[in-house]
Amino acid sequence: MEPIRVSCFTDILCVWAYIAQVRLDELEHHFPQEVVLEHHFVPIFGNPRERLEARWKDRGGLGAYSEHVRGVAAKYPHVTVHPDVWVGCVPHSSLSAHLFLCALRHCERAGVSCTADGSPAFESMIWALRRAFFAELADISDRSVQFTIAERLGIPAGPIEQAIASGEAFAEMGRDLELVRDQSVTVSPTLIFNEGRQRLNGNVGYRVIEANIRELLHTPPGELSWC
């Protein structure tokens, strides 16, 4: 049986995606052969300062948004959020980090070793960037910060720099943007599976994700349960 392919669309600066990361890790842990996660990026925070200042103008601006993010995160003890999140550091754009990650994804797909020991680093880098911003208040839109984090993980800069310089990383990101458009993705995180027939948007609990996966695993193709 072919594994179930789950397309996961997130923005690296989205707190809900930060919170949901542990659920995706759990999914891969429980279904190592049955599920393949395919990460894609949606630019919800492509221009975060302007977006947030406009949306939160009448509610207290970035300070109020910071309080909102901290309040959300406080309900989930598995994540850490800096007390000055979104006020002490406001990254210029998530697109810069997405491009870096697309370069890394391209390198892994091309069979280029991206860590000192040759192990995959793409998903580790996603988590490292998210945690660097939310917990450490690092400006992850800054390319030098991205390379510093990659160095901590043992990821060499050369292949990533080459993928960006050659335009290959931009092509990777362009494919993600086409998928975002074709699948009408507007929420981070969004999980799409069963060839686009099933979709879970936003802060969805692990048991709901698991139930959808189990339904697909135990129901023959074309005979989805009515219940």
N, C-alpha and C. Protein backbone atom coordinates (compact mmCIF):
# COMPACT_ATOMS: atom_id res chain seq x y z
N MET A 1 0.85 -1.19 0.00
CA MET A 1 0.00 0.00 0.00
C MET A 1 0.88 1.24 0.00
N GLU A 2 0.55 2.17 -0.89
CA GLU A 2 1.29 3.42 -0.96
C GLU A 2 1.05 4.23 0.31
N PRO A 3 2.08 4.93 0.82
CA PRO A 3 1.88 5.76 2.00
C PRO A 3 0.94 6.93 1.72
N ILE A 4 0.28 7.38 2.75
CA ILE A 4 -0.59 8.56 2.63
C ILE A 4 0.29 9.80 2.62
N ARG A 5 0.13 10.62 1.60
CA ARG A 5 0.93 11.83 1.48
C ARG A 5 0.12 12.99 2.06
N VAL A 6 0.69 13.65 3.05
CA VAL A 6 0.03 14.76 3.72
C VAL A 6 0.79 16.05 3.38
N SER A 7 0.11 16.96 2.70
CA SER A 7 0.71 18.26 2.40
C SER A 7 0.44 19.20 3.57
N CYS A 8 1.52 19.69 4.15
CA CYS A 8 1.41 20.56 5.33
C CYS A 8 1.87 21.96 4.94
N PHE A 9 0.95 22.91 4.95
CA PHE A 9 1.24 24.30 4.59
C PHE A 9 1.33 25.14 5.87
N THR A 10 2.46 25.81 6.06
CA THR A 10 2.64 26.65 7.24
C THR A 10 3.42 27.91 6.88
N ASP A 11 3.32 28.89 7.76
CA ASP A 11 4.21 30.04 7.73
C ASP A 11 5.15 29.91 8.91
N ILE A 12 6.43 30.13 8.69
CA ILE A 12 7.44 29.93 9.73
C ILE A 12 7.22 30.85 10.92
N LEU A 13 6.52 31.99 10.72
CA LEU A 13 6.29 32.95 11.81
C LEU A 13 4.90 32.79 12.45
N CYS A 14 4.20 31.73 12.11
CA CYS A 14 2.85 31.52 12.64
C CYS A 14 2.91 30.77 13.98
N VAL A 15 2.34 31.34 15.02
CA VAL A 15 2.38 30.71 16.33
C VAL A 15 1.62 29.39 16.33
N TRP A 16 0.54 29.29 15.54
CA TRP A 16 -0.23 28.06 15.50
C TRP A 16 0.58 26.93 14.86
N ALA A 17 1.41 27.28 13.87
CA ALA A 17 2.29 26.28 13.27
C ALA A 17 3.37 25.85 14.26
N TYR A 18 3.85 26.79 15.05
CA TYR A 18 4.84 26.51 16.10
C TYR A 18 4.25 25.52 17.10
N ILE A 19 3.02 25.76 17.50
CA ILE A 19 2.33 24.88 18.45
C ILE A 19 2.06 23.51 17.83
N ALA A 20 1.71 23.49 16.53
CA ALA A 20 1.32 22.24 15.86
C ALA A 20 2.49 21.34 15.51
N GLN A 21 3.70 21.85 15.58
CA GLN A 21 4.87 21.05 15.16
C GLN A 21 4.93 19.71 15.90
N VAL A 22 4.64 19.72 17.20
CA VAL A 22 4.72 18.49 17.98
C VAL A 22 3.71 17.46 17.49
N ARG A 23 2.59 17.91 16.94
CA ARG A 23 1.57 16.97 16.43
C ARG A 23 2.07 16.29 15.16
N LEU A 24 2.77 17.03 14.35
CA LEU A 24 3.34 16.44 13.13
C LEU A 24 4.44 15.45 13.48
N ASP A 25 5.24 15.80 14.49
CA ASP A 25 6.28 14.87 14.94
C ASP A 25 5.66 13.58 15.45
N GLU A 26 4.55 13.72 16.18
CA GLU A 26 3.85 12.55 16.72
C GLU A 26 3.28 11.70 15.59
N LEU A 27 2.76 12.35 14.57
CA LEU A 27 2.21 11.63 13.43
C LEU A 27 3.29 10.80 12.74
N GLU A 28 4.45 11.40 12.53
CA GLU A 28 5.55 10.67 11.89
C GLU A 28 6.06 9.55 12.78
N HIS A 29 6.02 9.76 14.08
CA HIS A 29 6.47 8.73 15.03
C HIS A 29 5.55 7.52 15.00
N HIS A 30 4.23 7.75 14.98
CA HIS A 30 3.26 6.66 15.05
C HIS A 30 3.01 6.00 13.70
N PHE A 31 3.26 6.73 12.61
CA PHE A 31 3.00 6.18 11.28
C PHE A 31 4.24 6.35 10.39
N PRO A 32 5.38 5.77 10.79
CA PRO A 32 6.63 6.01 10.07
C PRO A 32 6.62 5.50 8.63
N GLN A 33 5.88 4.41 8.36
CA GLN A 33 5.82 3.85 7.02
C GLN A 33 4.55 4.24 6.27
N GLU A 34 3.51 4.58 7.02
CA GLU A 34 2.20 4.80 6.41
C GLU A 34 1.97 6.24 5.95
N VAL A 35 2.72 7.19 6.52
CA VAL A 35 2.48 8.61 6.24
C VAL A 35 3.76 9.29 5.78
N VAL A 36 3.64 10.10 4.74
CA VAL A 36 4.75 10.94 4.29
C VAL A 36 4.30 12.39 4.38
N LEU A 37 5.00 13.17 5.20
CA LEU A 37 4.70 14.59 5.33
C LEU A 37 5.46 15.38 4.27
N GLU A 38 4.75 16.25 3.57
CA GLU A 38 5.37 17.11 2.57
C GLU A 38 5.14 18.56 3.00
N HIS A 39 6.22 19.21 3.42
CA HIS A 39 6.11 20.58 3.94
C HIS A 39 6.15 21.61 2.82
N HIS A 40 5.21 22.55 2.89
CA HIS A 40 5.16 23.67 1.96
C HIS A 40 4.93 24.94 2.77
N PHE A 41 5.20 26.08 2.13
CA PHE A 41 5.15 27.33 2.87
C PHE A 41 4.16 28.31 2.24
N VAL A 42 3.34 28.90 3.11
CA VAL A 42 2.34 29.88 2.69
C VAL A 42 2.70 31.22 3.35
N PRO A 43 2.81 32.30 2.58
CA PRO A 43 3.31 33.58 3.12
C PRO A 43 2.26 34.40 3.85
N ILE A 44 1.76 33.88 4.96
CA ILE A 44 0.82 34.64 5.78
C ILE A 44 1.50 35.89 6.34
N PHE A 45 2.77 35.75 6.72
CA PHE A 45 3.53 36.86 7.30
C PHE A 45 4.59 37.36 6.31
N GLY A 46 4.18 37.48 5.05
CA GLY A 46 5.10 38.00 4.05
C GLY A 46 5.50 39.44 4.32
N ASN A 47 4.60 40.20 4.92
CA ASN A 47 4.86 41.60 5.29
C ASN A 47 4.26 41.83 6.68
N PRO A 48 4.86 41.24 7.72
CA PRO A 48 4.18 41.16 9.02
C PRO A 48 3.93 42.49 9.72
N ARG A 49 4.89 43.40 9.70
CA ARG A 49 4.67 44.64 10.44
C ARG A 49 3.46 45.39 9.91
N GLU A 50 3.40 45.57 8.60
CA GLU A 50 2.27 46.29 8.01
C GLU A 50 0.96 45.54 8.25
N ARG A 51 1.01 44.23 8.08
CA ARG A 51 -0.19 43.41 8.27
C ARG A 51 -0.72 43.49 9.69
N LEU A 52 0.18 43.31 10.66
CA LEU A 52 -0.25 43.29 12.07
C LEU A 52 -0.65 44.67 12.56
N GLU A 53 0.09 45.69 12.16
CA GLU A 53 -0.27 47.04 12.59
C GLU A 53 -1.64 47.43 12.06
N ALA A 54 -1.97 47.01 10.84
CA ALA A 54 -3.28 47.32 10.26
C ALA A 54 -4.39 46.54 10.98
N ARG A 55 -4.14 45.24 11.20
CA ARG A 55 -5.19 44.39 11.79
C ARG A 55 -5.40 44.64 13.28
N TRP A 56 -4.33 45.09 13.95
CA TRP A 56 -4.41 45.29 15.40
C TRP A 56 -4.39 46.77 15.79
N LYS A 57 -4.58 47.64 14.83
CA LYS A 57 -4.51 49.08 15.08
C LYS A 57 -5.49 49.53 16.16
N ASP A 58 -6.70 49.02 16.12
CA ASP A 58 -7.72 49.45 17.07
C ASP A 58 -7.76 48.60 18.34
N ARG A 59 -6.81 47.66 18.46
CA ARG A 59 -6.79 46.78 19.63
C ARG A 59 -5.49 46.90 20.43
N GLY A 60 -4.66 47.89 20.08
CA GLY A 60 -3.44 48.08 20.84
C GLY A 60 -2.16 47.83 20.07
N GLY A 61 -2.27 47.55 18.76
CA GLY A 61 -1.10 47.41 17.92
C GLY A 61 -0.28 46.17 18.21
N LEU A 62 1.02 46.27 17.94
CA LEU A 62 1.90 45.11 18.09
C LEU A 62 1.99 44.64 19.54
N GLY A 63 1.87 45.58 20.49
CA GLY A 63 1.90 45.20 21.90
C GLY A 63 0.75 44.27 22.24
N ALA A 64 -0.43 44.57 21.71
CA ALA A 64 -1.60 43.73 21.96
C ALA A 64 -1.46 42.39 21.25
N TYR A 65 -0.88 42.41 20.05
CA TYR A 65 -0.67 41.15 19.35
C TYR A 65 0.32 40.28 20.10
N SER A 66 1.37 40.89 20.63
CA SER A 66 2.34 40.16 21.44
C SER A 66 1.65 39.49 22.63
N GLU A 67 0.79 40.23 23.29
CA GLU A 67 0.05 39.67 24.44
C GLU A 67 -0.84 38.52 23.99
N HIS A 68 -1.45 38.66 22.83
CA HIS A 68 -2.30 37.60 22.29
C HIS A 68 -1.49 36.33 22.04
N VAL A 69 -0.34 36.47 21.40
CA VAL A 69 0.51 35.31 21.09
C VAL A 69 0.97 34.64 22.38
N ARG A 70 1.37 35.43 23.37
CA ARG A 70 1.82 34.86 24.64
C ARG A 70 0.67 34.15 25.34
N GLY A 71 -0.53 34.71 25.24
CA GLY A 71 -1.69 34.08 25.86
C GLY A 71 -2.03 32.76 25.21
N VAL A 72 -1.93 32.71 23.88
CA VAL A 72 -2.17 31.48 23.15
C VAL A 72 -1.15 30.42 23.56
N ALA A 73 0.12 30.79 23.54
CA ALA A 73 1.20 29.84 23.82
C ALA A 73 1.16 29.33 25.26
N ALA A 74 0.66 30.17 26.18
CA ALA A 74 0.61 29.77 27.59
C ALA A 74 -0.25 28.54 27.82
N LYS A 75 -1.16 28.26 26.88
CA LYS A 75 -2.05 27.10 27.01
C LYS A 75 -1.37 25.81 26.58
N TYR A 76 -0.17 25.93 26.01
CA TYR A 76 0.53 24.76 25.46
C TYR A 76 1.93 24.69 26.06
N PRO A 77 2.10 23.91 27.12
CA PRO A 77 3.38 23.89 27.84
C PRO A 77 4.56 23.34 27.04
N HIS A 78 4.31 22.73 25.89
CA HIS A 78 5.43 22.18 25.12
C HIS A 78 6.16 23.25 24.31
N VAL A 79 5.64 24.49 24.26
CA VAL A 79 6.32 25.56 23.54
C VAL A 79 6.71 26.69 24.49
N THR A 80 7.76 27.40 24.13
CA THR A 80 8.25 28.54 24.90
C THR A 80 8.16 29.79 24.04
N VAL A 81 7.65 30.87 24.62
CA VAL A 81 7.55 32.14 23.89
C VAL A 81 8.20 33.24 24.72
N HIS A 82 9.05 34.02 24.08
CA HIS A 82 9.74 35.13 24.73
C HIS A 82 8.75 36.20 25.15
N PRO A 83 8.92 36.85 26.30
CA PRO A 83 7.98 37.87 26.75
C PRO A 83 7.90 39.09 25.82
N ASP A 84 8.91 39.31 24.99
CA ASP A 84 8.90 40.44 24.06
C ASP A 84 8.62 40.02 22.63
N VAL A 85 8.03 38.84 22.43
CA VAL A 85 7.75 38.38 21.08
C VAL A 85 6.90 39.41 20.33
N TRP A 86 7.26 39.67 19.09
CA TRP A 86 6.59 40.60 18.18
C TRP A 86 6.69 42.07 18.59
N VAL A 87 7.41 42.37 19.66
CA VAL A 87 7.70 43.78 19.97
C VAL A 87 9.20 44.01 20.04
N GLY A 88 9.94 43.10 20.64
CA GLY A 88 11.39 43.22 20.71
C GLY A 88 12.05 42.91 19.38
N CYS A 89 11.37 42.15 18.54
CA CYS A 89 11.89 41.80 17.22
C CYS A 89 10.70 41.56 16.29
N VAL A 90 10.68 42.29 15.19
CA VAL A 90 9.65 42.10 14.17
C VAL A 90 10.36 41.79 12.85
N PRO A 91 10.48 40.51 12.49
CA PRO A 91 11.15 40.16 11.24
C PRO A 91 10.49 40.86 10.05
N HIS A 92 11.29 41.21 9.04
CA HIS A 92 10.76 41.91 7.87
C HIS A 92 9.81 41.04 7.07
N SER A 93 10.11 39.74 6.98
CA SER A 93 9.28 38.86 6.17
C SER A 93 9.60 37.41 6.44
N SER A 94 8.57 36.57 6.43
CA SER A 94 8.80 35.13 6.53
C SER A 94 9.34 34.57 5.23
N LEU A 95 9.21 35.31 4.13
CA LEU A 95 9.63 34.81 2.82
C LEU A 95 11.13 34.51 2.78
N SER A 96 11.92 35.29 3.49
CA SER A 96 13.36 35.06 3.51
C SER A 96 13.68 33.68 4.11
N ALA A 97 13.05 33.36 5.24
CA ALA A 97 13.24 32.05 5.87
C ALA A 97 12.68 30.94 5.00
N HIS A 98 11.54 31.19 4.34
CA HIS A 98 10.96 30.19 3.45
C HIS A 98 11.92 29.88 2.30
N LEU A 99 12.55 30.92 1.75
CA LEU A 99 13.50 30.71 0.66
C LEU A 99 14.68 29.87 1.13
N PHE A 100 15.19 30.17 2.32
CA PHE A 100 16.29 29.39 2.88
C PHE A 100 15.89 27.93 3.03
N LEU A 101 14.70 27.68 3.54
CA LEU A 101 14.22 26.31 3.73
C LEU A 101 13.98 25.62 2.38
N CYS A 102 13.51 26.37 1.39
CA CYS A 102 13.33 25.80 0.06
C CYS A 102 14.67 25.41 -0.55
N ALA A 103 15.70 26.22 -0.27
CA ALA A 103 17.05 25.87 -0.74
C ALA A 103 17.52 24.57 -0.10
N LEU A 104 17.27 24.44 1.19
CA LEU A 104 17.66 23.22 1.91
C LEU A 104 16.87 22.01 1.42
N ARG A 105 15.59 22.20 1.17
CA ARG A 105 14.75 21.11 0.65
C ARG A 105 15.24 20.67 -0.73
N HIS A 106 15.60 21.64 -1.56
CA HIS A 106 16.13 21.33 -2.88
C HIS A 106 17.41 20.51 -2.77
N CYS A 107 18.29 20.89 -1.85
CA CYS A 107 19.55 20.17 -1.67
C CYS A 107 19.30 18.72 -1.28
N GLU A 108 18.36 18.50 -0.36
CA GLU A 108 18.07 17.14 0.06
C GLU A 108 17.45 16.32 -1.06
N ARG A 109 16.56 16.94 -1.83
CA ARG A 109 15.93 16.22 -2.94
C ARG A 109 16.97 15.87 -4.02
N ALA A 110 17.96 16.73 -4.16
CA ALA A 110 19.00 16.50 -5.16
C ALA A 110 20.07 15.53 -4.68
N GLY A 111 19.90 15.05 -3.44
CA GLY A 111 20.85 14.09 -2.89
C GLY A 111 22.12 14.70 -2.36
N VAL A 112 22.10 16.03 -2.15
CA VAL A 112 23.27 16.70 -1.60
C VAL A 112 23.25 16.54 -0.08
N SER A 113 24.34 16.08 0.50
CA SER A 113 24.42 15.93 1.95
C SER A 113 24.36 17.30 2.60
N CYS A 114 23.40 17.49 3.50
CA CYS A 114 23.21 18.80 4.11
C CYS A 114 23.57 18.85 5.58
N THR A 115 24.09 17.78 6.13
CA THR A 115 24.60 17.80 7.49
C THR A 115 25.94 17.09 7.52
N ALA A 116 26.67 17.31 8.59
CA ALA A 116 28.00 16.72 8.70
C ALA A 116 27.96 15.19 8.61
N ASP A 117 26.89 14.58 9.14
CA ASP A 117 26.80 13.12 9.13
C ASP A 117 25.91 12.58 8.00
N GLY A 118 25.45 13.49 7.13
CA GLY A 118 24.64 13.07 6.00
C GLY A 118 23.17 12.86 6.30
N SER A 119 22.73 13.13 7.52
CA SER A 119 21.32 12.94 7.88
C SER A 119 20.47 14.10 7.39
N PRO A 120 19.16 13.86 7.12
CA PRO A 120 18.28 14.93 6.66
C PRO A 120 18.19 16.05 7.70
N ALA A 121 18.11 17.27 7.21
CA ALA A 121 18.10 18.40 8.15
C ALA A 121 16.93 19.35 7.93
N PHE A 122 16.15 19.11 6.88
CA PHE A 122 15.09 20.05 6.52
C PHE A 122 14.09 20.28 7.66
N GLU A 123 13.53 19.20 8.20
CA GLU A 123 12.55 19.36 9.27
C GLU A 123 13.19 19.90 10.54
N SER A 124 14.43 19.52 10.81
CA SER A 124 15.13 20.05 11.99
C SER A 124 15.31 21.55 11.86
N MET A 125 15.58 22.02 10.65
CA MET A 125 15.78 23.45 10.43
C MET A 125 14.47 24.22 10.57
N ILE A 126 13.37 23.62 10.14
CA ILE A 126 12.06 24.27 10.32
C ILE A 126 11.83 24.55 11.80
N TRP A 127 12.01 23.53 12.63
CA TRP A 127 11.79 23.70 14.06
C TRP A 127 12.79 24.68 14.66
N ALA A 128 14.04 24.59 14.25
CA ALA A 128 15.07 25.47 14.80
C ALA A 128 14.78 26.93 14.50
N LEU A 129 14.29 27.23 13.30
CA LEU A 129 13.95 28.60 12.95
C LEU A 129 12.75 29.09 13.75
N ARG A 130 11.73 28.24 13.87
CA ARG A 130 10.55 28.64 14.64
C ARG A 130 10.92 28.93 16.10
N ARG A 131 11.67 28.02 16.69
CA ARG A 131 12.03 28.20 18.09
C ARG A 131 12.95 29.41 18.27
N ALA A 132 13.82 29.65 17.30
CA ALA A 132 14.73 30.80 17.40
C ALA A 132 13.96 32.10 17.47
N PHE A 133 12.88 32.20 16.69
CA PHE A 133 12.10 33.43 16.75
C PHE A 133 11.24 33.50 18.00
N PHE A 134 10.42 32.49 18.22
CA PHE A 134 9.44 32.58 19.31
C PHE A 134 10.06 32.50 20.69
N ALA A 135 11.09 31.69 20.87
CA ALA A 135 11.68 31.51 22.20
C ALA A 135 12.89 32.40 22.44
N GLU A 136 13.67 32.68 21.37
CA GLU A 136 14.92 33.41 21.55
C GLU A 136 14.88 34.82 20.98
N LEU A 137 13.79 35.17 20.30
CA LEU A 137 13.61 36.50 19.72
C LEU A 137 14.66 36.80 18.65
N ALA A 138 15.06 35.81 17.89
CA ALA A 138 16.02 36.00 16.80
C ALA A 138 15.29 36.48 15.55
N ASP A 139 15.93 37.37 14.81
CA ASP A 139 15.35 37.86 13.56
C ASP A 139 15.64 36.84 12.46
N ILE A 140 14.74 35.90 12.29
CA ILE A 140 14.99 34.81 11.35
C ILE A 140 14.76 35.22 9.90
N SER A 141 14.42 36.48 9.65
CA SER A 141 14.39 36.96 8.26
C SER A 141 15.78 37.39 7.81
N ASP A 142 16.71 37.50 8.75
CA ASP A 142 18.09 37.89 8.45
C ASP A 142 18.88 36.67 7.98
N ARG A 143 19.47 36.76 6.79
CA ARG A 143 20.18 35.62 6.23
C ARG A 143 21.33 35.16 7.12
N SER A 144 22.04 36.09 7.76
CA SER A 144 23.16 35.69 8.62
C SER A 144 22.67 34.89 9.82
N VAL A 145 21.49 35.23 10.32
CA VAL A 145 20.90 34.48 11.43
C VAL A 145 20.54 33.07 10.97
N GLN A 146 20.00 32.96 9.79
CA GLN A 146 19.64 31.65 9.24
C GLN A 146 20.87 30.75 9.13
N PHE A 147 21.97 31.30 8.63
CA PHE A 147 23.18 30.49 8.48
C PHE A 147 23.80 30.15 9.84
N THR A 148 23.65 31.05 10.81
CA THR A 148 24.16 30.75 12.15
C THR A 148 23.41 29.57 12.76
N ILE A 149 22.08 29.56 12.58
CA ILE A 149 21.27 28.46 13.10
C ILE A 149 21.62 27.16 12.37
N ALA A 150 21.79 27.25 11.05
CA ALA A 150 22.16 26.07 10.27
C ALA A 150 23.50 25.51 10.74
N GLU A 151 24.44 26.40 11.05
CA GLU A 151 25.75 25.96 11.51
C GLU A 151 25.64 25.18 12.81
N ARG A 152 24.74 25.61 13.69
CA ARG A 152 24.53 24.89 14.95
C ARG A 152 24.07 23.45 14.69
N LEU A 153 23.32 23.26 13.61
CA LEU A 153 22.81 21.94 13.26
C LEU A 153 23.80 21.14 12.42
N GLY A 154 24.93 21.74 12.13
CA GLY A 154 25.92 21.05 11.32
C GLY A 154 25.62 21.07 9.83
N ILE A 155 24.82 22.04 9.39
CA ILE A 155 24.46 22.15 7.98
C ILE A 155 25.43 23.10 7.29
N PRO A 156 26.17 22.65 6.30
CA PRO A 156 27.13 23.52 5.61
C PRO A 156 26.44 24.58 4.77
N ALA A 157 27.04 25.74 4.69
CA ALA A 157 26.44 26.86 3.97
C ALA A 157 26.51 26.72 2.46
N GLY A 158 27.58 26.09 1.94
CA GLY A 158 27.84 26.07 0.51
C GLY A 158 26.69 25.63 -0.37
N PRO A 159 26.11 24.43 -0.15
CA PRO A 159 25.00 23.98 -1.01
C PRO A 159 23.79 24.90 -0.96
N ILE A 160 23.50 25.48 0.21
CA ILE A 160 22.35 26.37 0.32
C ILE A 160 22.61 27.66 -0.43
N GLU A 161 23.80 28.23 -0.25
CA GLU A 161 24.16 29.44 -0.98
C GLU A 161 24.06 29.22 -2.49
N GLN A 162 24.52 28.07 -2.95
CA GLN A 162 24.49 27.76 -4.37
C GLN A 162 23.07 27.65 -4.88
N ALA A 163 22.19 27.00 -4.09
CA ALA A 163 20.79 26.84 -4.52
C ALA A 163 20.09 28.19 -4.61
N ILE A 164 20.42 29.11 -3.73
CA ILE A 164 19.83 30.45 -3.78
C ILE A 164 20.40 31.24 -4.95
N ALA A 165 21.73 31.19 -5.09
CA ALA A 165 22.39 31.95 -6.15
C ALA A 165 21.97 31.49 -7.55
N SER A 166 21.74 30.19 -7.71
CA SER A 166 21.41 29.63 -9.02
C SER A 166 19.95 29.87 -9.41
N GLY A 167 19.12 30.23 -8.44
CA GLY A 167 17.69 30.39 -8.70
C GLY A 167 16.88 29.15 -8.39
N GLU A 168 17.55 28.04 -8.08
CA GLU A 168 16.83 26.79 -7.81
C GLU A 168 15.95 26.90 -6.57
N ALA A 169 16.41 27.61 -5.56
CA ALA A 169 15.60 27.80 -4.35
C ALA A 169 14.35 28.62 -4.66
N PHE A 170 14.49 29.61 -5.55
CA PHE A 170 13.33 30.41 -5.93
C PHE A 170 12.31 29.56 -6.69
N ALA A 171 12.80 28.63 -7.51
CA ALA A 171 11.90 27.73 -8.22
C ALA A 171 11.13 26.85 -7.24
N GLU A 172 11.84 26.35 -6.21
CA GLU A 172 11.18 25.56 -5.15
C GLU A 172 10.08 26.38 -4.48
N MET A 173 10.41 27.62 -4.13
CA MET A 173 9.42 28.46 -3.47
C MET A 173 8.27 28.79 -4.41
N GLY A 174 8.59 28.97 -5.69
CA GLY A 174 7.55 29.23 -6.68
C GLY A 174 6.56 28.09 -6.78
N ARG A 175 7.06 26.86 -6.70
CA ARG A 175 6.16 25.70 -6.72
C ARG A 175 5.24 25.70 -5.51
N ASP A 176 5.78 26.07 -4.35
CA ASP A 176 4.93 26.16 -3.16
C ASP A 176 3.84 27.20 -3.35
N LEU A 177 4.20 28.35 -3.90
CA LEU A 177 3.22 29.41 -4.10
C LEU A 177 2.14 29.00 -5.10
N GLU A 178 2.53 28.20 -6.10
CA GLU A 178 1.54 27.67 -7.04
C GLU A 178 0.59 26.70 -6.34
N LEU A 179 1.13 25.86 -5.46
CA LEU A 179 0.28 24.94 -4.71
C LEU A 179 -0.67 25.70 -3.79
N VAL A 180 -0.16 26.74 -3.15
CA VAL A 180 -1.00 27.58 -2.29
C VAL A 180 -2.17 28.14 -3.09
N ARG A 181 -1.88 28.63 -4.28
CA ARG A 181 -2.93 29.18 -5.14
C ARG A 181 -3.89 28.09 -5.61
N ASP A 182 -3.35 26.99 -6.11
CA ASP A 182 -4.19 25.93 -6.68
C ASP A 182 -5.07 25.27 -5.62
N GLN A 183 -4.54 25.16 -4.38
CA GLN A 183 -5.29 24.52 -3.30
C GLN A 183 -6.08 25.53 -2.46
N SER A 184 -6.01 26.81 -2.85
CA SER A 184 -6.73 27.89 -2.13
C SER A 184 -6.40 27.88 -0.64
N VAL A 185 -5.12 27.78 -0.32
CA VAL A 185 -4.67 27.76 1.08
C VAL A 185 -4.56 29.20 1.60
N THR A 186 -5.26 29.47 2.69
CA THR A 186 -5.22 30.82 3.29
C THR A 186 -4.92 30.78 4.78
N VAL A 187 -4.75 29.59 5.33
CA VAL A 187 -4.60 29.42 6.78
C VAL A 187 -3.32 28.65 7.07
N SER A 188 -2.64 29.03 8.15
CA SER A 188 -1.47 28.29 8.64
C SER A 188 -1.77 27.82 10.06
N PRO A 189 -1.62 26.50 10.31
CA PRO A 189 -1.30 25.43 9.37
C PRO A 189 -2.54 24.93 8.64
N THR A 190 -2.30 24.36 7.45
CA THR A 190 -3.33 23.65 6.70
C THR A 190 -2.77 22.29 6.31
N LEU A 191 -3.52 21.24 6.60
CA LEU A 191 -3.14 19.88 6.20
C LEU A 191 -4.09 19.41 5.11
N ILE A 192 -3.54 18.95 3.99
CA ILE A 192 -4.36 18.47 2.88
C ILE A 192 -3.90 17.06 2.52
N PHE A 193 -4.87 16.13 2.45
CA PHE A 193 -4.53 14.75 2.09
C PHE A 193 -5.69 14.12 1.34
N ASN A 194 -5.54 12.82 1.01
CA ASN A 194 -6.53 12.12 0.21
C ASN A 194 -6.74 12.84 -1.12
N GLU A 195 -5.60 13.19 -1.77
CA GLU A 195 -5.61 13.85 -3.08
C GLU A 195 -6.48 15.10 -3.08
N GLY A 196 -6.40 15.85 -2.00
CA GLY A 196 -7.10 17.12 -1.91
C GLY A 196 -8.53 17.03 -1.42
N ARG A 197 -9.02 15.81 -1.16
CA ARG A 197 -10.42 15.66 -0.75
C ARG A 197 -10.64 16.00 0.72
N GLN A 198 -9.59 15.90 1.51
CA GLN A 198 -9.72 16.18 2.94
C GLN A 198 -8.75 17.29 3.33
N ARG A 199 -9.22 18.16 4.21
CA ARG A 199 -8.44 19.31 4.60
C ARG A 199 -8.71 19.63 6.07
N LEU A 200 -7.64 19.91 6.81
CA LEU A 200 -7.77 20.34 8.20
C LEU A 200 -7.07 21.70 8.32
N ASN A 201 -7.83 22.71 8.74
CA ASN A 201 -7.30 24.06 8.83
C ASN A 201 -7.11 24.51 10.28
N GLY A 202 -6.00 25.18 10.54
CA GLY A 202 -5.83 25.84 11.81
C GLY A 202 -5.41 24.93 12.95
N ASN A 203 -5.81 25.29 14.16
CA ASN A 203 -5.37 24.61 15.37
C ASN A 203 -6.18 23.34 15.59
N VAL A 204 -5.82 22.29 14.88
CA VAL A 204 -6.53 21.01 14.96
C VAL A 204 -5.75 20.06 15.85
N GLY A 205 -6.42 19.42 16.82
CA GLY A 205 -5.78 18.52 17.75
C GLY A 205 -5.24 17.26 17.09
N TYR A 206 -4.27 16.64 17.76
CA TYR A 206 -3.64 15.45 17.18
C TYR A 206 -4.64 14.33 16.95
N ARG A 207 -5.55 14.11 17.88
CA ARG A 207 -6.50 12.99 17.74
C ARG A 207 -7.37 13.15 16.49
N VAL A 208 -7.69 14.38 16.13
CA VAL A 208 -8.48 14.61 14.91
C VAL A 208 -7.65 14.26 13.68
N ILE A 209 -6.38 14.68 13.68
CA ILE A 209 -5.49 14.35 12.57
C ILE A 209 -5.34 12.83 12.46
N GLU A 210 -5.08 12.20 13.60
CA GLU A 210 -4.89 10.75 13.62
C GLU A 210 -6.14 10.02 13.13
N ALA A 211 -7.31 10.48 13.54
CA ALA A 211 -8.56 9.82 13.13
C ALA A 211 -8.73 9.87 11.62
N ASN A 212 -8.37 10.99 11.01
CA ASN A 212 -8.47 11.10 9.56
C ASN A 212 -7.50 10.16 8.87
N ILE A 213 -6.31 10.04 9.42
CA ILE A 213 -5.31 9.13 8.85
C ILE A 213 -5.77 7.68 8.98
N ARG A 214 -6.26 7.30 10.16
CA ARG A 214 -6.71 5.93 10.37
C ARG A 214 -7.89 5.59 9.46
N GLU A 215 -8.76 6.53 9.23
CA GLU A 215 -9.90 6.31 8.33
C GLU A 215 -9.40 5.95 6.93
N LEU A 216 -8.38 6.68 6.47
CA LEU A 216 -7.83 6.41 5.15
C LEU A 216 -7.10 5.08 5.10
N LEU A 217 -6.41 4.74 6.20
CA LEU A 217 -5.65 3.49 6.24
C LEU A 217 -6.54 2.26 6.24
N HIS A 218 -7.71 2.38 6.88
CA HIS A 218 -8.56 1.21 7.07
C HIS A 218 -9.77 1.17 6.16
N THR A 219 -9.90 2.16 5.27
CA THR A 219 -11.02 2.17 4.34
C THR A 219 -10.50 1.99 2.93
N PRO A 220 -10.99 1.02 2.18
CA PRO A 220 -10.51 0.81 0.80
C PRO A 220 -10.73 2.07 -0.04
N PRO A 221 -9.86 2.32 -1.02
CA PRO A 221 -10.01 3.47 -1.91
C PRO A 221 -11.39 3.50 -2.56
N GLY A 222 -12.00 4.68 -2.57
CA GLY A 222 -13.30 4.82 -3.21
C GLY A 222 -14.46 4.40 -2.33
N GLU A 223 -14.16 3.95 -1.09
CA GLU A 223 -15.24 3.47 -0.20
C GLU A 223 -15.15 4.17 1.15
N LEU A 224 -14.96 5.48 1.14
CA LEU A 224 -14.87 6.23 2.39
C LEU A 224 -16.15 6.07 3.20
N SER A 225 -15.99 5.96 4.50
CA SER A 225 -17.12 5.75 5.39
C SER A 225 -18.08 6.93 5.37
N TRP A 226 -19.38 6.64 5.50
CA TRP A 226 -20.37 7.71 5.55
C TRP A 226 -20.43 8.36 6.92
N CYS A 227 -19.85 7.68 7.96
CA CYS A 227 -20.06 8.16 9.33
C CYS A 227 -19.00 9.16 9.74
